[in-house]
């Protein structure tokens, strides 16, 4: 089993129609036909959306995405129209709301990898490939790849795993021209972001993007280059051959699989609430990622 431990009821706002409750975001449509995305403080792990929130997480994801959009707009346009909170919405929506263009979304998770870890490492250990792409012998967990690679995945529903697929399968699903556009944009954005992060002492190991079309124009959507969609590692602690410390919810994963939690991941029981020390440590990592990348103090 997986999914929401406690699925929230969407907030009703005059003039907005609720469309979807995601792992982190609530999605609405306004009277002009634009999408309104609201990032909550929910967190997920092991395909469960947990009952405990991480304070400020939704605002950090939103503000960091906006910072990145500004630095990528010459490579690919983004979907954000404004950050205005709709009239009648709760005050808590401030800083976590994006009014966005309604796009024809491409049903592919566009993943770029510059380092080997996670599901890529698991496939490499079996076949010396990632999404069908051959890689050199001798790589280990955390190894830098010879160059960034495009390793797409199918988009899964809440509670399900995304599934890695080959580039050829993407081309079959969305067409050769669109597949080529997705690969080019994904690798261009990753390369720009990798260099920016590297200049701030952070390794961008991998990341995933979502794209849609505004007419004939490919547009980047949802969140970009946040600790929820990317693996960020402190460069000064990078050591291939082991799991790397990261700026994300690793504290959550580690606690859930520890004896302290008492949770059996293989069981059908939902995970327990997080203790305060895990919440505090996880929030601190999100804040640190924001501050190190942007150079601004989180307030």
C-alpha atoms as a PDB file:
ATOM      1  CA  UNK A   1       0.000   0.000   0.000  1.00  0.00           C
ATOM      2  CA  UNK A   2       0.986   3.636  -0.417  1.00  0.00           C
ATOM      3  CA  UNK A   3      -0.485   7.066  -1.012  1.00  0.00           C
ATOM      4  CA  UNK A   4      -1.718   9.601   1.527  1.00  0.00           C
ATOM      5  CA  UNK A   5      -1.671   8.696   5.199  1.00  0.00           C
ATOM      6  CA  UNK A   6      -4.275  11.439   5.696  1.00  0.00           C
ATOM      7  CA  UNK A   7      -5.494  13.001   2.447  1.00  0.00           C
ATOM      8  CA  UNK A   8      -6.345  16.677   3.064  1.00  0.00           C
ATOM      9  CA  UNK A   9      -9.596  18.306   2.042  1.00  0.00           C
ATOM     10  CA  UNK A  10      -8.956  21.069  -0.503  1.00  0.00           C
ATOM     11  CA  UNK A  11      -9.630  24.649   0.567  1.00  0.00           C
ATOM     12  CA  UNK A  12     -12.536  26.241  -1.249  1.00  0.00           C
ATOM     13  CA  UNK A  13     -11.818  29.708  -2.686  1.00  0.00           C
ATOM     14  CA  UNK A  14     -14.363  31.841  -4.596  1.00  0.00           C
ATOM     15  CA  UNK A  15     -13.598  31.864  -8.321  1.00  0.00           C
ATOM     16  CA  UNK A  16     -11.315  28.833  -8.177  1.00  0.00           C
ATOM     17  CA  UNK A  17     -12.125  25.267  -9.178  1.00  0.00           C
ATOM     18  CA  UNK A  18     -10.058  22.610  -7.428  1.00  0.00           C
ATOM     19  CA  UNK A  19      -8.528  20.196  -9.944  1.00  0.00           C
ATOM     20  CA  UNK A  20      -6.066  17.961  -8.130  1.00  0.00           C
ATOM     21  CA  UNK A  21      -4.348  17.183  -4.835  1.00  0.00           C
ATOM     22  CA  UNK A  22      -0.745  16.121  -5.425  1.00  0.00           C
ATOM     23  CA  UNK A  23       1.965  14.954  -3.076  1.00  0.00           C
ATOM     24  CA  UNK A  24       2.901  18.553  -2.313  1.00  0.00           C
ATOM     25  CA  UNK A  25       0.756  20.866  -4.462  1.00  0.00           C
ATOM     26  CA  UNK A  26      -2.901  21.734  -4.744  1.00  0.00           C
ATOM     27  CA  UNK A  27      -3.955  22.636  -8.263  1.00  0.00           C
ATOM     28  CA  UNK A  28      -6.837  24.984  -9.110  1.00  0.00           C
ATOM     29  CA  UNK A  29      -8.166  26.726 -12.217  1.00  0.00           C
ATOM     30  CA  UNK A  30      -9.237  30.374 -12.061  1.00  0.00           C
ATOM     31  CA  UNK A  31     -11.990  32.083 -14.048  1.00  0.00           C
ATOM     32  CA  UNK A  32      -9.482  33.208 -16.699  1.00  0.00           C
ATOM     33  CA  UNK A  33      -8.527  29.580 -17.340  1.00  0.00           C
ATOM     34  CA  UNK A  34      -5.095  29.887 -15.713  1.00  0.00           C
ATOM     35  CA  UNK A  35      -3.766  27.292 -13.306  1.00  0.00           C
ATOM     36  CA  UNK A  36      -3.178  28.224  -9.675  1.00  0.00           C
ATOM     37  CA  UNK A  37      -0.560  26.067  -7.956  1.00  0.00           C
ATOM     38  CA  UNK A  38      -0.265  26.157  -4.181  1.00  0.00           C
ATOM     39  CA  UNK A  39       2.725  24.398  -2.600  1.00  0.00           C
ATOM     40  CA  UNK A  40       1.887  22.884   0.777  1.00  0.00           C
ATOM     41  CA  UNK A  41       4.328  21.869   3.508  1.00  0.00           C
ATOM     42  CA  UNK A  42       3.572  18.180   2.944  1.00  0.00           C
ATOM     43  CA  UNK A  43       6.435  15.753   2.503  1.00  0.00           C
ATOM     44  CA  UNK A  44       6.597  12.273   1.056  1.00  0.00           C
ATOM     45  CA  UNK A  45       8.886   9.275   1.387  1.00  0.00           C
ATOM     46  CA  UNK A  46       8.779   5.707   0.120  1.00  0.00           C
ATOM     47  CA  UNK A  47       5.641   6.483  -1.929  1.00  0.00           C
ATOM     48  CA  UNK A  48       3.723   7.730   1.126  1.00  0.00           C
ATOM     49  CA  UNK A  49       2.611  11.313   1.752  1.00  0.00           C
ATOM     50  CA  UNK A  50       3.356  11.619   5.450  1.00  0.00           C
ATOM     51  CA  UNK A  51       1.042  12.949   8.159  1.00  0.00           C
ATOM     52  CA  UNK A  52       3.670  15.436   9.416  1.00  0.00           C
ATOM     53  CA  UNK A  53       4.445  18.685   7.596  1.00  0.00           C
ATOM     54  CA  UNK A  54       7.809  20.475   7.325  1.00  0.00           C
ATOM     55  CA  UNK A  55       7.228  24.183   8.161  1.00  0.00           C
ATOM     56  CA  UNK A  56       8.060  26.621   5.319  1.00  0.00           C
ATOM     57  CA  UNK A  57       8.794  23.802   2.867  1.00  0.00           C
ATOM     58  CA  UNK A  58       6.172  24.908   0.326  1.00  0.00           C
ATOM     59  CA  UNK A  59       7.400  28.495   0.358  1.00  0.00           C
ATOM     60  CA  UNK A  60      11.027  27.422  -0.030  1.00  0.00           C
ATOM     61  CA  UNK A  61      10.163  25.241  -3.024  1.00  0.00           C
ATOM     62  CA  UNK A  62       8.183  28.071  -4.614  1.00  0.00           C
ATOM     63  CA  UNK A  63      10.745  30.806  -4.034  1.00  0.00           C
ATOM     64  CA  UNK A  64      13.639  28.634  -5.144  1.00  0.00           C
ATOM     65  CA  UNK A  65      11.787  27.682  -8.329  1.00  0.00           C
ATOM     66  CA  UNK A  66      11.184  31.353  -9.083  1.00  0.00           C
ATOM     67  CA  UNK A  67      14.878  32.105  -8.546  1.00  0.00           C
ATOM     68  CA  UNK A  68      15.827  29.375 -10.995  1.00  0.00           C
ATOM     69  CA  UNK A  69      13.193  30.370 -13.577  1.00  0.00           C
ATOM     70  CA  UNK A  70      14.836  33.797 -13.755  1.00  0.00           C
ATOM     71  CA  UNK A  71      18.203  32.205 -14.533  1.00  0.00           C
ATOM     72  CA  UNK A  72      16.935  29.784 -17.165  1.00  0.00           C
ATOM     73  CA  UNK A  73      14.481  31.877 -19.160  1.00  0.00           C
ATOM     74  CA  UNK A  74      16.906  32.420 -22.046  1.00  0.00           C
ATOM     75  CA  UNK A  75      17.125  28.627 -22.478  1.00  0.00           C
ATOM     76  CA  UNK A  76      13.444  27.745 -22.202  1.00  0.00           C
ATOM     77  CA  UNK A  77      10.381  29.841 -21.233  1.00  0.00           C
ATOM     78  CA  UNK A  78       8.540  29.039 -17.998  1.00  0.00           C
ATOM     79  CA  UNK A  79       4.855  28.852 -17.153  1.00  0.00           C
ATOM     80  CA  UNK A  80       4.598  31.466 -14.373  1.00  0.00           C
ATOM     81  CA  UNK A  81       2.252  34.403 -14.975  1.00  0.00           C
ATOM     82  CA  UNK A  82       2.271  35.927 -11.489  1.00  0.00           C
ATOM     83  CA  UNK A  83       2.685  35.222  -7.795  1.00  0.00           C
ATOM     84  CA  UNK A  84      -0.467  37.112  -6.802  1.00  0.00           C
ATOM     85  CA  UNK A  85      -2.611  35.383  -4.202  1.00  0.00           C
ATOM     86  CA  UNK A  86      -6.209  35.071  -5.464  1.00  0.00           C
ATOM     87  CA  UNK A  87      -8.786  37.255  -3.748  1.00  0.00           C
ATOM     88  CA  UNK A  88     -10.441  35.335  -0.932  1.00  0.00           C
ATOM     89  CA  UNK A  89      -7.613  32.827  -0.527  1.00  0.00           C
ATOM     90  CA  UNK A  90      -6.107  32.172   2.924  1.00  0.00           C
ATOM     91  CA  UNK A  91      -3.262  34.437   4.033  1.00  0.00           C
ATOM     92  CA  UNK A  92      -1.110  31.298   4.316  1.00  0.00           C
ATOM     93  CA  UNK A  93      -1.051  31.073   0.502  1.00  0.00           C
ATOM     94  CA  UNK A  94       1.307  34.065   0.384  1.00  0.00           C
ATOM     95  CA  UNK A  95       4.727  33.035  -0.924  1.00  0.00           C
ATOM     96  CA  UNK A  96       3.600  29.564  -1.948  1.00  0.00           C
ATOM     97  CA  UNK A  97       1.243  30.408  -4.841  1.00  0.00           C
ATOM     98  CA  UNK A  98       1.973  30.531  -8.574  1.00  0.00           C
ATOM     99  CA  UNK A  99      -0.535  31.577 -11.223  1.00  0.00           C
ATOM    100  CA  UNK A 100       0.554  29.716 -14.347  1.00  0.00           C
ATOM    101  CA  UNK A 101      -0.258  29.221 -18.001  1.00  0.00           C
ATOM    102  CA  UNK A 102      -2.409  26.213 -18.762  1.00  0.00           C
ATOM    103  CA  UNK A 103      -0.192  23.989 -20.926  1.00  0.00           C
ATOM    104  CA  UNK A 104      -0.596  20.804 -22.900  1.00  0.00           C
ATOM    105  CA  UNK A 105       1.649  18.760 -20.631  1.00  0.00           C
ATOM    106  CA  UNK A 106       4.002  16.124 -21.985  1.00  0.00           C
ATOM    107  CA  UNK A 107       3.501  12.854 -20.033  1.00  0.00           C
ATOM    108  CA  UNK A 108       7.214  12.305 -19.394  1.00  0.00           C
ATOM    109  CA  UNK A 109       9.439  12.979 -16.389  1.00  0.00           C
ATOM    110  CA  UNK A 110      12.541  14.522 -17.988  1.00  0.00           C
ATOM    111  CA  UNK A 111      15.481  13.425 -15.863  1.00  0.00           C
ATOM    112  CA  UNK A 112      19.059  14.608 -16.287  1.00  0.00           C
ATOM    113  CA  UNK A 113      21.906  12.841 -14.501  1.00  0.00           C
ATOM    114  CA  UNK A 114      25.452  14.057 -14.097  1.00  0.00           C
ATOM    115  CA  UNK A 115      26.337  11.586 -11.351  1.00  0.00           C
ATOM    116  CA  UNK A 116      25.456   7.952 -10.740  1.00  0.00           C
ATOM    117  CA  UNK A 117      23.145   7.145  -7.834  1.00  0.00           C
ATOM    118  CA  UNK A 118      19.603   6.043  -7.015  1.00  0.00           C
ATOM    119  CA  UNK A 119      17.685   4.040  -9.608  1.00  0.00           C
ATOM    120  CA  UNK A 120      20.405   4.797 -12.162  1.00  0.00           C
ATOM    121  CA  UNK A 121      22.984   3.082  -9.974  1.00  0.00           C
ATOM    122  CA  UNK A 122      20.712   0.053  -9.514  1.00  0.00           C
ATOM    123  CA  UNK A 123      20.364  -0.384 -13.289  1.00  0.00           C
ATOM    124  CA  UNK A 124      24.081   0.232 -13.856  1.00  0.00           C
ATOM    125  CA  UNK A 125      25.020  -2.457 -11.344  1.00  0.00           C
ATOM    126  CA  UNK A 126      22.913  -4.953 -13.311  1.00  0.00           C
ATOM    127  CA  UNK A 127      23.667  -4.026 -16.900  1.00  0.00           C
ATOM    128  CA  UNK A 128      26.255  -1.186 -17.067  1.00  0.00           C
ATOM    129  CA  UNK A 129      23.506   0.963 -18.585  1.00  0.00           C
ATOM    130  CA  UNK A 130      21.045   3.653 -17.445  1.00  0.00           C
ATOM    131  CA  UNK A 131      17.819   3.824 -19.447  1.00  0.00           C
ATOM    132  CA  UNK A 132      19.582   1.784 -22.102  1.00  0.00           C
ATOM    133  CA  UNK A 133      22.577   4.155 -22.342  1.00  0.00           C
ATOM    134  CA  UNK A 134      25.898   2.321 -22.017  1.00  0.00           C
ATOM    135  CA  UNK A 135      28.262   3.669 -19.358  1.00  0.00           C
ATOM    136  CA  UNK A 136      31.926   2.922 -18.618  1.00  0.00           C
ATOM    137  CA  UNK A 137      33.045   0.162 -16.271  1.00  0.00           C
ATOM    138  CA  UNK A 138      34.209   0.977 -12.757  1.00  0.00           C
ATOM    139  CA  UNK A 139      31.584   3.525 -11.699  1.00  0.00           C
ATOM    140  CA  UNK A 140      30.321   3.497  -8.104  1.00  0.00           C
ATOM    141  CA  UNK A 141      27.682   5.286  -6.059  1.00  0.00           C
ATOM    142  CA  UNK A 142      28.349   9.018  -6.493  1.00  0.00           C
ATOM    143  CA  UNK A 143      30.653   8.753  -9.513  1.00  0.00           C
ATOM    144  CA  UNK A 144      30.602  11.678 -11.920  1.00  0.00           C
ATOM    145  CA  UNK A 145      29.501  10.565 -15.387  1.00  0.00           C
ATOM    146  CA  UNK A 146      31.595  11.379 -18.482  1.00  0.00           C
ATOM    147  CA  UNK A 147      28.844  13.852 -19.410  1.00  0.00           C
ATOM    148  CA  UNK A 148      25.236  14.531 -18.427  1.00  0.00           C
ATOM    149  CA  UNK A 149      22.685  12.042 -19.747  1.00  0.00           C
ATOM    150  CA  UNK A 150      18.944  12.231 -20.427  1.00  0.00           C
ATOM    151  CA  UNK A 151      17.177   9.389 -18.605  1.00  0.00           C
ATOM    152  CA  UNK A 152      13.409   9.865 -18.908  1.00  0.00           C
ATOM    153  CA  UNK A 153      10.703   8.190 -16.864  1.00  0.00           C
ATOM    154  CA  UNK A 154       6.980   7.711 -17.101  1.00  0.00           C
ATOM    155  CA  UNK A 155       4.931   9.887 -14.744  1.00  0.00           C
ATOM    156  CA  UNK A 156       3.228   7.910 -11.984  1.00  0.00           C
ATOM    157  CA  UNK A 157       0.156   8.593  -9.872  1.00  0.00           C
ATOM    158  CA  UNK A 158       0.474   9.410  -6.164  1.00  0.00           C
ATOM    159  CA  UNK A 159       1.678   6.280  -4.393  1.00  0.00           C
ATOM    160  CA  UNK A 160       3.234   4.709  -7.488  1.00  0.00           C
ATOM    161  CA  UNK A 161       6.816   4.644  -8.738  1.00  0.00           C
ATOM    162  CA  UNK A 162       7.927   6.517 -11.838  1.00  0.00           C
ATOM    163  CA  UNK A 163       9.363   3.962 -14.267  1.00  0.00           C
ATOM    164  CA  UNK A 164      12.599   4.621 -16.166  1.00  0.00           C
ATOM    165  CA  UNK A 165      12.220   4.246 -19.929  1.00  0.00           C
ATOM    166  CA  UNK A 166      14.499   4.515 -22.947  1.00  0.00           C
ATOM    167  CA  UNK A 167      14.740   7.542 -25.203  1.00  0.00           C
ATOM    168  CA  UNK A 168      13.339   5.389 -27.985  1.00  0.00           C
ATOM    169  CA  UNK A 169      10.248   4.682 -25.898  1.00  0.00           C
ATOM    170  CA  UNK A 170       9.739   8.415 -25.309  1.00  0.00           C
ATOM    171  CA  UNK A 171      10.023   9.030 -29.045  1.00  0.00           C
ATOM    172  CA  UNK A 172       7.455   6.313 -29.644  1.00  0.00           C
ATOM    173  CA  UNK A 173       5.046   7.858 -27.129  1.00  0.00           C
ATOM    174  CA  UNK A 174       5.337  11.570 -27.971  1.00  0.00           C
ATOM    175  CA  UNK A 175       6.993  11.623 -31.392  1.00  0.00           C
ATOM    176  CA  UNK A 176      10.603  11.980 -32.495  1.00  0.00           C
ATOM    177  CA  UNK A 177      10.539  15.779 -32.767  1.00  0.00           C
ATOM    178  CA  UNK A 178       9.102  16.315 -29.285  1.00  0.00           C
ATOM    179  CA  UNK A 179      11.467  13.737 -27.785  1.00  0.00           C
ATOM    180  CA  UNK A 180      14.433  15.572 -29.297  1.00  0.00           C
ATOM    181  CA  UNK A 181      13.156  18.896 -27.916  1.00  0.00           C
ATOM    182  CA  UNK A 182      12.742  17.380 -24.445  1.00  0.00           C
ATOM    183  CA  UNK A 183      16.255  15.933 -24.433  1.00  0.00           C
ATOM    184  CA  UNK A 184      17.863  19.140 -25.683  1.00  0.00           C
ATOM    185  CA  UNK A 185      16.018  21.368 -23.195  1.00  0.00           C
ATOM    186  CA  UNK A 186      16.590  18.996 -20.269  1.00  0.00           C
ATOM    187  CA  UNK A 187      20.338  18.764 -20.812  1.00  0.00           C
ATOM    188  CA  UNK A 188      20.710  22.492 -21.493  1.00  0.00           C
ATOM    189  CA  UNK A 189      18.902  23.433 -18.288  1.00  0.00           C
ATOM    190  CA  UNK A 190      20.756  20.819 -16.259  1.00  0.00           C
ATOM    191  CA  UNK A 191      24.133  22.004 -17.548  1.00  0.00           C
ATOM    192  CA  UNK A 192      23.367  25.655 -16.746  1.00  0.00           C
ATOM    193  CA  UNK A 193      22.101  24.786 -13.266  1.00  0.00           C
ATOM    194  CA  UNK A 194      25.009  22.409 -12.563  1.00  0.00           C
ATOM    195  CA  UNK A 195      27.501  25.179 -13.273  1.00  0.00           C
ATOM    196  CA  UNK A 196      25.616  27.715 -11.139  1.00  0.00           C
ATOM    197  CA  UNK A 197      25.365  25.264  -8.234  1.00  0.00           C
ATOM    198  CA  UNK A 198      29.013  24.269  -8.555  1.00  0.00           C
ATOM    199  CA  UNK A 199      29.991  27.913  -8.135  1.00  0.00           C
ATOM    200  CA  UNK A 200      28.183  27.848  -4.787  1.00  0.00           C
ATOM    201  CA  UNK A 201      29.857  24.696  -3.520  1.00  0.00           C
ATOM    202  CA  UNK A 202      26.983  22.374  -4.397  1.00  0.00           C
ATOM    203  CA  UNK A 203      26.904  19.368  -6.717  1.00  0.00           C
ATOM    204  CA  UNK A 204      23.709  18.937  -8.729  1.00  0.00           C
ATOM    205  CA  UNK A 205      23.788  15.158  -9.075  1.00  0.00           C
ATOM    206  CA  UNK A 206      20.515  14.778 -10.946  1.00  0.00           C
ATOM    207  CA  UNK A 207      17.180  16.498 -11.402  1.00  0.00           C
ATOM    208  CA  UNK A 208      13.832  16.085 -13.110  1.00  0.00           C
ATOM    209  CA  UNK A 209      11.733  18.537 -15.100  1.00  0.00           C
ATOM    210  CA  UNK A 210       8.237  18.659 -16.499  1.00  0.00           C
ATOM    211  CA  UNK A 211       7.453  20.332 -19.808  1.00  0.00           C
ATOM    212  CA  UNK A 212       4.326  21.319 -21.676  1.00  0.00           C
ATOM    213  CA  UNK A 213       3.406  23.126 -24.857  1.00  0.00           C
ATOM    214  CA  UNK A 214       1.960  26.622 -25.126  1.00  0.00           C
ATOM    215  CA  UNK A 215       0.876  26.355 -28.741  1.00  0.00           C
ATOM    216  CA  UNK A 216       4.045  25.213 -30.520  1.00  0.00           C
ATOM    217  CA  UNK A 217       6.386  26.500 -27.799  1.00  0.00           C
ATOM    218  CA  UNK A 218       7.975  24.105 -25.318  1.00  0.00           C
ATOM    219  CA  UNK A 219       7.627  25.513 -21.775  1.00  0.00           C
ATOM    220  CA  UNK A 220       9.124  24.320 -18.483  1.00  0.00           C
ATOM    221  CA  UNK A 221       6.518  23.846 -15.744  1.00  0.00           C
ATOM    222  CA  UNK A 222       5.859  22.836 -12.158  1.00  0.00           C
ATOM    223  CA  UNK A 223       8.868  23.221  -9.827  1.00  0.00           C
ATOM    224  CA  UNK A 224      12.478  23.371 -10.969  1.00  0.00           C
ATOM    225  CA  UNK A 225      15.746  22.521  -9.249  1.00  0.00           C
ATOM    226  CA  UNK A 226      14.430  22.235  -5.711  1.00  0.00           C
ATOM    227  CA  UNK A 227      15.496  19.690  -3.081  1.00  0.00           C
ATOM    228  CA  UNK A 228      12.260  17.802  -3.859  1.00  0.00           C
ATOM    229  CA  UNK A 229      13.047  17.414  -7.564  1.00  0.00           C
ATOM    230  CA  UNK A 230      16.862  17.246  -7.434  1.00  0.00           C
ATOM    231  CA  UNK A 231      19.744  15.690  -5.604  1.00  0.00           C
ATOM    232  CA  UNK A 232      21.996  18.441  -4.231  1.00  0.00           C
ATOM    233  CA  UNK A 233      25.210  17.363  -2.506  1.00  0.00           C
ATOM    234  CA  UNK A 234      27.746  19.529  -0.633  1.00  0.00           C
ATOM    235  CA  UNK A 235      30.793  19.526  -2.906  1.00  0.00           C
ATOM    236  CA  UNK A 236      33.289  19.514  -0.057  1.00  0.00           C
ATOM    237  CA  UNK A 237      31.865  16.221   1.290  1.00  0.00           C
ATOM    238  CA  UNK A 238      31.576  14.422  -2.050  1.00  0.00           C
ATOM    239  CA  UNK A 239      33.184  10.982  -1.868  1.00  0.00           C
ATOM    240  CA  UNK A 240      32.305   8.408  -4.547  1.00  0.00           C
ATOM    241  CA  UNK A 241      31.732   4.895  -3.289  1.00  0.00           C
ATOM    242  CA  UNK A 242      29.137   5.706  -0.652  1.00  0.00           C
ATOM    243  CA  UNK A 243      25.807   7.452  -0.221  1.00  0.00           C
ATOM    244  CA  UNK A 244      26.364  11.216  -0.284  1.00  0.00           C
ATOM    245  CA  UNK A 245      25.015  13.683   2.301  1.00  0.00           C
ATOM    246  CA  UNK A 246      22.299  15.738   0.658  1.00  0.00           C
ATOM    247  CA  UNK A 247      20.131  18.845   0.969  1.00  0.00           C
ATOM    248  CA  UNK A 248      16.750  17.140   1.056  1.00  0.00           C
ATOM    249  CA  UNK A 249      14.496  14.917   3.129  1.00  0.00           C
ATOM    250  CA  UNK A 250      17.134  12.265   3.811  1.00  0.00           C
ATOM    251  CA  UNK A 251      16.567  12.765   7.540  1.00  0.00           C
ATOM    252  CA  UNK A 252      12.970  11.664   6.964  1.00  0.00           C
ATOM    253  CA  UNK A 253      13.966   8.540   5.023  1.00  0.00           C
ATOM    254  CA  UNK A 254      16.670   7.610   7.529  1.00  0.00           C
ATOM    255  CA  UNK A 255      14.332   7.935  10.504  1.00  0.00           C
ATOM    256  CA  UNK A 256      11.517   5.987   8.848  1.00  0.00           C
ATOM    257  CA  UNK A 257      13.853   3.037   8.250  1.00  0.00           C
ATOM    258  CA  UNK A 258      15.443   3.239  11.709  1.00  0.00           C
ATOM    259  CA  UNK A 259      14.461   1.107  14.727  1.00  0.00           C
ATOM    260  CA  UNK A 260      13.246   4.306  16.441  1.00  0.00           C
ATOM    261  CA  UNK A 261      10.336   4.683  14.030  1.00  0.00           C
ATOM    262  CA  UNK A 262       9.113   1.124  14.522  1.00  0.00           C
ATOM    263  CA  UNK A 263       7.810   1.119  10.946  1.00  0.00           C
ATOM    264  CA  UNK A 264       8.185  -1.836   8.628  1.00  0.00           C
ATOM    265  CA  UNK A 265       8.484  -0.454   5.125  1.00  0.00           C
ATOM    266  CA  UNK A 266       7.445  -3.821   3.667  1.00  0.00           C
ATOM    267  CA  UNK A 267       4.216  -3.906   5.653  1.00  0.00           C
ATOM    268  CA  UNK A 268       0.865  -2.499   4.577  1.00  0.00           C
ATOM    269  CA  UNK A 269       0.815  -0.118   7.535  1.00  0.00           C
ATOM    270  CA  UNK A 270       1.216   3.626   6.876  1.00  0.00           C
ATOM    271  CA  UNK A 271       4.297   5.330   8.296  1.00  0.00           C
ATOM    272  CA  UNK A 272       4.080   7.105  11.661  1.00  0.00           C
ATOM    273  CA  UNK A 273       4.217  10.830  12.422  1.00  0.00           C
ATOM    274  CA  UNK A 274       7.685  12.360  12.428  1.00  0.00           C
ATOM    275  CA  UNK A 275       9.311  13.456  15.700  1.00  0.00           C
ATOM    276  CA  UNK A 276      10.195  17.125  16.129  1.00  0.00           C
ATOM    277  CA  UNK A 277      13.945  16.617  15.813  1.00  0.00           C
ATOM    278  CA  UNK A 278      13.487  15.084  12.335  1.00  0.00           C
ATOM    279  CA  UNK A 279      11.147  17.909  11.302  1.00  0.00           C
ATOM    280  CA  UNK A 280      13.643  20.531  12.498  1.00  0.00           C
ATOM    281  CA  UNK A 281      16.638  18.876  10.818  1.00  0.00           C
ATOM    282  CA  UNK A 282      14.767  18.471   7.527  1.00  0.00           C
ATOM    283  CA  UNK A 283      13.580  22.094   7.518  1.00  0.00           C
ATOM    284  CA  UNK A 284      17.139  23.236   8.217  1.00  0.00           C
ATOM    285  CA  UNK A 285      18.403  21.350   5.136  1.00  0.00           C
ATOM    286  CA  UNK A 286      15.788  22.980   2.879  1.00  0.00           C
ATOM    287  CA  UNK A 287      16.682  26.406   4.269  1.00  0.00           C
ATOM    288  CA  UNK A 288      20.414  25.728   3.825  1.00  0.00           C
ATOM    289  CA  UNK A 289      19.892  24.679   0.206  1.00  0.00           C
ATOM    290  CA  UNK A 290      17.927  27.866  -0.509  1.00  0.00           C
ATOM    291  CA  UNK A 291      20.467  30.130   1.173  1.00  0.00           C
ATOM    292  CA  UNK A 292      23.557  28.525  -0.362  1.00  0.00           C
ATOM    293  CA  UNK A 293      22.105  28.561  -3.868  1.00  0.00           C
ATOM    294  CA  UNK A 294      20.546  32.036  -3.859  1.00  0.00           C
ATOM    295  CA  UNK A 295      22.923  33.816  -1.491  1.00  0.00           C
ATOM    296  CA  UNK A 296      19.870  35.272   0.282  1.00  0.00           C
ATOM    297  CA  UNK A 297      18.831  34.769   3.900  1.00  0.00           C
ATOM    298  CA  UNK A 298      15.591  32.844   4.369  1.00  0.00           C
ATOM    299  CA  UNK A 299      13.079  34.882   6.357  1.00  0.00           C
END
